[in-house]
Amino acid sequence: MVFTLICSGCRSPFISVKIENHSGSALQLLEMDYPSASFGVDSLAAGAAYSYRFKVQGAGPVSLTFTDATGHVHKVSGPSLDSGQQGTLTVLIGPADKTTWQTHLSMQ
């Protein structure tokens, strides 16, 4: 009981990621690599968004790889992350190879 009360205020730091497709066409084979792991989704329709949550274990850069409607593979480098960071990371994929990263991160 005491352990439950003590740990009820504890929470592990995580980063919430949102990938938004504003390119005007469907994207295929999206994969985000981050320190010590990765996640992906098979496709993302035009105008759609995909959300995921992860814990950073280690330090290093983030990258996003995806295939556009013409079959061209894009690899976009993002910010560097450190173990213990938390907050939000939004990736906006726009037309004509325009991809931007919005970060709101802090250390726990």
N, C-alpha and C. Protein backbone atom coordinates (compact mmCIF):
# COMPACT_ATOMS: atom_id res chain seq x y z
N MET A 1 0.82 -1.19 0.00
CA MET A 1 0.00 0.00 0.00
C MET A 1 0.87 1.26 0.00
N VAL A 2 1.87 1.29 0.88
CA VAL A 2 2.75 2.45 0.94
C VAL A 2 3.50 2.61 -0.38
N PHE A 3 3.98 1.49 -0.95
CA PHE A 3 4.68 1.52 -2.23
C PHE A 3 3.79 2.11 -3.32
N THR A 4 2.52 1.71 -3.33
CA THR A 4 1.58 2.22 -4.32
C THR A 4 1.42 3.73 -4.19
N LEU A 5 1.33 4.22 -2.98
CA LEU A 5 1.17 5.65 -2.76
C LEU A 5 2.43 6.42 -3.16
N ILE A 6 3.59 5.87 -2.87
CA ILE A 6 4.84 6.53 -3.22
C ILE A 6 5.01 6.60 -4.73
N CYS A 7 4.72 5.51 -5.42
CA CYS A 7 4.94 5.44 -6.87
C CYS A 7 3.81 6.04 -7.69
N SER A 8 2.70 6.39 -7.06
CA SER A 8 1.60 6.94 -7.85
C SER A 8 1.99 8.28 -8.48
N GLY A 9 2.96 8.99 -7.90
CA GLY A 9 3.44 10.23 -8.47
C GLY A 9 4.58 10.02 -9.46
N CYS A 10 5.09 8.81 -9.57
CA CYS A 10 6.20 8.52 -10.48
C CYS A 10 5.67 8.30 -11.89
N ARG A 11 6.44 8.79 -12.85
CA ARG A 11 6.10 8.45 -14.22
C ARG A 11 7.36 8.52 -15.05
N SER A 12 7.42 7.65 -15.99
CA SER A 12 8.57 7.55 -16.86
C SER A 12 8.49 8.62 -17.95
N PRO A 13 9.62 9.27 -18.27
CA PRO A 13 9.59 10.28 -19.33
C PRO A 13 9.38 9.63 -20.70
N PHE A 14 8.57 10.24 -21.53
CA PHE A 14 8.35 9.73 -22.88
C PHE A 14 8.17 10.90 -23.83
N ILE A 15 8.31 10.60 -25.10
CA ILE A 15 8.09 11.59 -26.15
C ILE A 15 6.90 11.16 -26.99
N SER A 16 5.96 12.05 -27.17
CA SER A 16 4.81 11.80 -28.05
C SER A 16 5.15 12.35 -29.42
N VAL A 17 5.09 11.48 -30.42
CA VAL A 17 5.41 11.87 -31.80
C VAL A 17 4.13 11.91 -32.61
N LYS A 18 4.02 12.91 -33.46
CA LYS A 18 2.91 12.99 -34.41
C LYS A 18 3.49 13.28 -35.78
N ILE A 19 3.21 12.41 -36.74
CA ILE A 19 3.66 12.60 -38.12
C ILE A 19 2.44 13.01 -38.93
N GLU A 20 2.48 14.19 -39.55
CA GLU A 20 1.35 14.71 -40.32
C GLU A 20 1.71 14.76 -41.80
N ASN A 21 0.84 14.22 -42.63
CA ASN A 21 1.07 14.19 -44.07
C ASN A 21 0.31 15.33 -44.76
N HIS A 22 1.05 16.37 -45.12
CA HIS A 22 0.49 17.51 -45.85
C HIS A 22 1.05 17.56 -47.27
N SER A 23 1.52 16.43 -47.76
CA SER A 23 2.18 16.38 -49.07
C SER A 23 1.20 16.43 -50.25
N GLY A 24 -0.06 16.11 -49.99
CA GLY A 24 -1.05 16.10 -51.07
C GLY A 24 -1.27 14.72 -51.67
N SER A 25 -0.47 13.74 -51.25
CA SER A 25 -0.67 12.36 -51.74
C SER A 25 -0.28 11.38 -50.63
N ALA A 26 -0.70 10.14 -50.81
CA ALA A 26 -0.40 9.11 -49.80
C ALA A 26 1.10 8.82 -49.76
N LEU A 27 1.59 8.49 -48.57
CA LEU A 27 2.99 8.11 -48.37
C LEU A 27 3.02 6.64 -47.95
N GLN A 28 4.11 5.97 -48.29
CA GLN A 28 4.25 4.55 -47.98
C GLN A 28 5.51 4.32 -47.14
N LEU A 29 5.50 3.22 -46.41
CA LEU A 29 6.67 2.71 -45.69
C LEU A 29 7.39 3.79 -44.88
N LEU A 30 6.66 4.38 -43.94
CA LEU A 30 7.25 5.39 -43.07
C LEU A 30 7.96 4.69 -41.92
N GLU A 31 9.20 5.09 -41.64
CA GLU A 31 9.95 4.54 -40.51
C GLU A 31 10.71 5.66 -39.82
N MET A 32 10.50 5.77 -38.51
CA MET A 32 11.24 6.74 -37.71
C MET A 32 12.25 5.99 -36.87
N ASP A 33 13.51 6.38 -37.01
CA ASP A 33 14.59 5.82 -36.21
C ASP A 33 14.96 6.83 -35.14
N TYR A 34 15.09 6.35 -33.90
CA TYR A 34 15.50 7.20 -32.79
C TYR A 34 16.48 6.40 -31.94
N PRO A 35 17.17 7.02 -30.99
CA PRO A 35 18.20 6.30 -30.24
C PRO A 35 17.70 4.97 -29.67
N SER A 36 18.29 3.90 -30.08
CA SER A 36 18.11 2.52 -29.63
C SER A 36 16.86 1.81 -30.15
N ALA A 37 16.07 2.43 -31.02
CA ALA A 37 14.87 1.74 -31.52
C ALA A 37 14.31 2.46 -32.75
N SER A 38 13.19 1.93 -33.24
CA SER A 38 12.49 2.54 -34.37
C SER A 38 11.03 2.11 -34.35
N PHE A 39 10.21 2.80 -35.10
CA PHE A 39 8.82 2.39 -35.31
C PHE A 39 8.43 2.80 -36.72
N GLY A 40 7.34 2.24 -37.21
CA GLY A 40 6.91 2.58 -38.55
C GLY A 40 5.45 2.29 -38.78
N VAL A 41 5.00 2.71 -39.96
CA VAL A 41 3.63 2.48 -40.39
C VAL A 41 3.68 2.24 -41.90
N ASP A 42 2.84 1.33 -42.39
CA ASP A 42 2.85 0.95 -43.80
C ASP A 42 2.49 2.09 -44.74
N SER A 43 1.46 2.87 -44.37
CA SER A 43 1.04 3.97 -45.25
C SER A 43 0.38 5.07 -44.42
N LEU A 44 0.38 6.26 -45.01
CA LEU A 44 -0.25 7.42 -44.38
C LEU A 44 -0.93 8.22 -45.48
N ALA A 45 -2.25 8.26 -45.43
CA ALA A 45 -3.04 8.94 -46.45
C ALA A 45 -2.77 10.45 -46.44
N ALA A 46 -3.03 11.09 -47.56
CA ALA A 46 -2.91 12.55 -47.64
C ALA A 46 -3.83 13.18 -46.60
N GLY A 47 -3.32 14.12 -45.83
CA GLY A 47 -4.12 14.80 -44.81
C GLY A 47 -4.23 14.05 -43.50
N ALA A 48 -3.67 12.85 -43.42
CA ALA A 48 -3.77 12.03 -42.22
C ALA A 48 -2.58 12.27 -41.29
N ALA A 49 -2.72 11.79 -40.06
CA ALA A 49 -1.65 11.88 -39.07
C ALA A 49 -1.50 10.54 -38.38
N TYR A 50 -0.30 10.27 -37.91
CA TYR A 50 0.01 9.04 -37.17
C TYR A 50 0.71 9.44 -35.88
N SER A 51 0.24 8.90 -34.77
CA SER A 51 0.82 9.22 -33.46
C SER A 51 1.44 7.99 -32.84
N TYR A 52 2.51 8.22 -32.08
CA TYR A 52 3.24 7.14 -31.42
C TYR A 52 3.93 7.75 -30.21
N ARG A 53 4.23 6.91 -29.24
CA ARG A 53 4.86 7.36 -28.01
C ARG A 53 6.05 6.46 -27.71
N PHE A 54 7.18 7.03 -27.30
CA PHE A 54 8.34 6.21 -26.97
C PHE A 54 9.17 6.85 -25.87
N LYS A 55 10.00 6.00 -25.26
CA LYS A 55 10.94 6.44 -24.24
C LYS A 55 12.32 6.46 -24.87
N VAL A 56 13.06 7.53 -24.65
CA VAL A 56 14.41 7.65 -25.21
C VAL A 56 15.39 6.90 -24.30
N GLN A 57 16.10 5.95 -24.88
CA GLN A 57 17.10 5.18 -24.14
C GLN A 57 18.43 5.37 -24.86
N GLY A 58 19.18 6.34 -24.44
CA GLY A 58 20.44 6.66 -25.11
C GLY A 58 20.35 8.05 -25.72
N ALA A 59 21.35 8.38 -26.51
CA ALA A 59 21.39 9.70 -27.14
C ALA A 59 21.70 9.54 -28.62
N GLY A 60 21.15 10.43 -29.42
CA GLY A 60 21.44 10.39 -30.84
C GLY A 60 20.36 11.07 -31.65
N PRO A 61 20.56 11.11 -32.96
CA PRO A 61 19.62 11.81 -33.84
C PRO A 61 18.38 10.97 -34.16
N VAL A 62 17.36 11.67 -34.61
CA VAL A 62 16.12 11.07 -35.10
C VAL A 62 16.13 11.23 -36.62
N SER A 63 15.60 10.24 -37.32
CA SER A 63 15.44 10.38 -38.77
C SER A 63 14.13 9.74 -39.19
N LEU A 64 13.59 10.22 -40.29
CA LEU A 64 12.35 9.69 -40.85
C LEU A 64 12.60 9.32 -42.30
N THR A 65 12.25 8.08 -42.65
CA THR A 65 12.35 7.61 -44.03
C THR A 65 10.95 7.29 -44.52
N PHE A 66 10.61 7.70 -45.75
CA PHE A 66 9.31 7.38 -46.32
C PHE A 66 9.41 7.38 -47.84
N THR A 67 8.42 6.75 -48.47
CA THR A 67 8.35 6.68 -49.92
C THR A 67 7.15 7.50 -50.38
N ASP A 68 7.38 8.41 -51.35
CA ASP A 68 6.28 9.24 -51.84
C ASP A 68 5.49 8.52 -52.94
N ALA A 69 4.48 9.19 -53.48
CA ALA A 69 3.59 8.58 -54.47
C ALA A 69 4.29 8.21 -55.77
N THR A 70 5.43 8.84 -56.05
CA THR A 70 6.17 8.52 -57.29
C THR A 70 7.19 7.41 -57.07
N GLY A 71 7.28 6.90 -55.85
CA GLY A 71 8.23 5.83 -55.54
C GLY A 71 9.59 6.31 -55.08
N HIS A 72 9.75 7.61 -54.94
CA HIS A 72 11.02 8.19 -54.48
C HIS A 72 11.14 8.04 -52.97
N VAL A 73 12.27 7.52 -52.50
CA VAL A 73 12.52 7.34 -51.07
C VAL A 73 13.18 8.60 -50.51
N HIS A 74 12.62 9.09 -49.41
CA HIS A 74 13.14 10.29 -48.75
C HIS A 74 13.66 9.90 -47.37
N LYS A 75 14.81 10.44 -46.98
CA LYS A 75 15.32 10.28 -45.62
C LYS A 75 15.61 11.67 -45.09
N VAL A 76 14.91 12.01 -44.01
CA VAL A 76 14.99 13.35 -43.45
C VAL A 76 15.56 13.27 -42.03
N SER A 77 16.60 14.03 -41.78
CA SER A 77 17.22 14.06 -40.45
C SER A 77 16.47 15.03 -39.55
N GLY A 78 16.34 14.63 -38.29
CA GLY A 78 15.65 15.46 -37.31
C GLY A 78 16.58 15.85 -36.18
N PRO A 79 16.00 16.22 -35.05
CA PRO A 79 16.80 16.68 -33.92
C PRO A 79 17.51 15.53 -33.21
N SER A 80 18.48 15.87 -32.39
CA SER A 80 19.12 14.88 -31.53
C SER A 80 18.35 14.79 -30.23
N LEU A 81 18.24 13.58 -29.71
CA LEU A 81 17.53 13.34 -28.46
C LEU A 81 18.49 12.80 -27.41
N ASP A 82 18.16 13.03 -26.14
CA ASP A 82 18.95 12.53 -25.02
C ASP A 82 18.06 11.72 -24.09
N SER A 83 18.66 10.72 -23.46
CA SER A 83 17.94 9.91 -22.49
C SER A 83 17.34 10.81 -21.42
N GLY A 84 16.10 10.56 -21.05
CA GLY A 84 15.42 11.35 -20.03
C GLY A 84 14.61 12.51 -20.57
N GLN A 85 14.68 12.77 -21.88
CA GLN A 85 13.87 13.85 -22.43
C GLN A 85 12.40 13.43 -22.50
N GLN A 86 11.54 14.43 -22.42
CA GLN A 86 10.10 14.20 -22.54
C GLN A 86 9.48 15.38 -23.26
N GLY A 87 8.28 15.16 -23.79
CA GLY A 87 7.56 16.23 -24.47
C GLY A 87 6.96 15.76 -25.78
N THR A 88 6.91 16.67 -26.76
CA THR A 88 6.29 16.35 -28.04
C THR A 88 7.25 16.63 -29.20
N LEU A 89 7.07 15.85 -30.24
CA LEU A 89 7.83 15.99 -31.47
C LEU A 89 6.84 15.83 -32.61
N THR A 90 6.69 16.86 -33.43
CA THR A 90 5.77 16.82 -34.56
C THR A 90 6.56 16.93 -35.85
N VAL A 91 6.25 16.04 -36.79
CA VAL A 91 6.90 16.06 -38.10
C VAL A 91 5.83 16.43 -39.13
N LEU A 92 6.05 17.52 -39.85
CA LEU A 92 5.12 17.97 -40.87
C LEU A 92 5.73 17.69 -42.24
N ILE A 93 5.13 16.76 -42.97
CA ILE A 93 5.61 16.41 -44.31
C ILE A 93 4.78 17.20 -45.30
N GLY A 94 5.42 18.12 -45.99
CA GLY A 94 4.73 18.98 -46.94
C GLY A 94 5.06 18.61 -48.37
N PRO A 95 4.49 19.34 -49.32
CA PRO A 95 4.78 19.07 -50.73
C PRO A 95 6.22 19.48 -51.08
N ALA A 96 6.70 18.96 -52.19
CA ALA A 96 8.01 19.34 -52.76
C ALA A 96 9.16 19.15 -51.77
N ASP A 97 9.21 17.99 -51.13
CA ASP A 97 10.32 17.65 -50.23
C ASP A 97 10.46 18.57 -49.02
N LYS A 98 9.42 19.27 -48.65
CA LYS A 98 9.48 20.19 -47.51
C LYS A 98 9.01 19.46 -46.26
N THR A 99 9.94 19.13 -45.37
CA THR A 99 9.61 18.47 -44.11
C THR A 99 10.17 19.31 -42.97
N THR A 100 9.32 19.60 -41.98
CA THR A 100 9.76 20.38 -40.83
C THR A 100 9.50 19.61 -39.54
N TRP A 101 10.34 19.88 -38.56
CA TRP A 101 10.25 19.24 -37.24
C TRP A 101 9.92 20.32 -36.22
N GLN A 102 8.92 20.05 -35.38
CA GLN A 102 8.57 20.96 -34.29
C GLN A 102 8.81 20.20 -32.99
N THR A 103 9.65 20.76 -32.11
CA THR A 103 9.97 20.09 -30.85
C THR A 103 9.56 20.93 -29.66
N HIS A 104 9.03 20.27 -28.68
CA HIS A 104 8.73 20.86 -27.37
C HIS A 104 9.21 19.83 -26.36
N LEU A 105 10.52 19.85 -26.07
CA LEU A 105 11.14 18.83 -25.25
C LEU A 105 11.82 19.44 -24.03
N SER A 106 11.85 18.66 -22.96
CA SER A 106 12.55 19.08 -21.74
C SER A 106 13.11 17.83 -21.07
N MET A 107 14.01 18.04 -20.13
CA MET A 107 14.55 16.93 -19.35
C MET A 107 13.66 16.72 -18.14
N GLN A 108 13.47 15.46 -17.77
CA GLN A 108 12.66 15.17 -16.59
C GLN A 108 13.46 15.45 -15.36
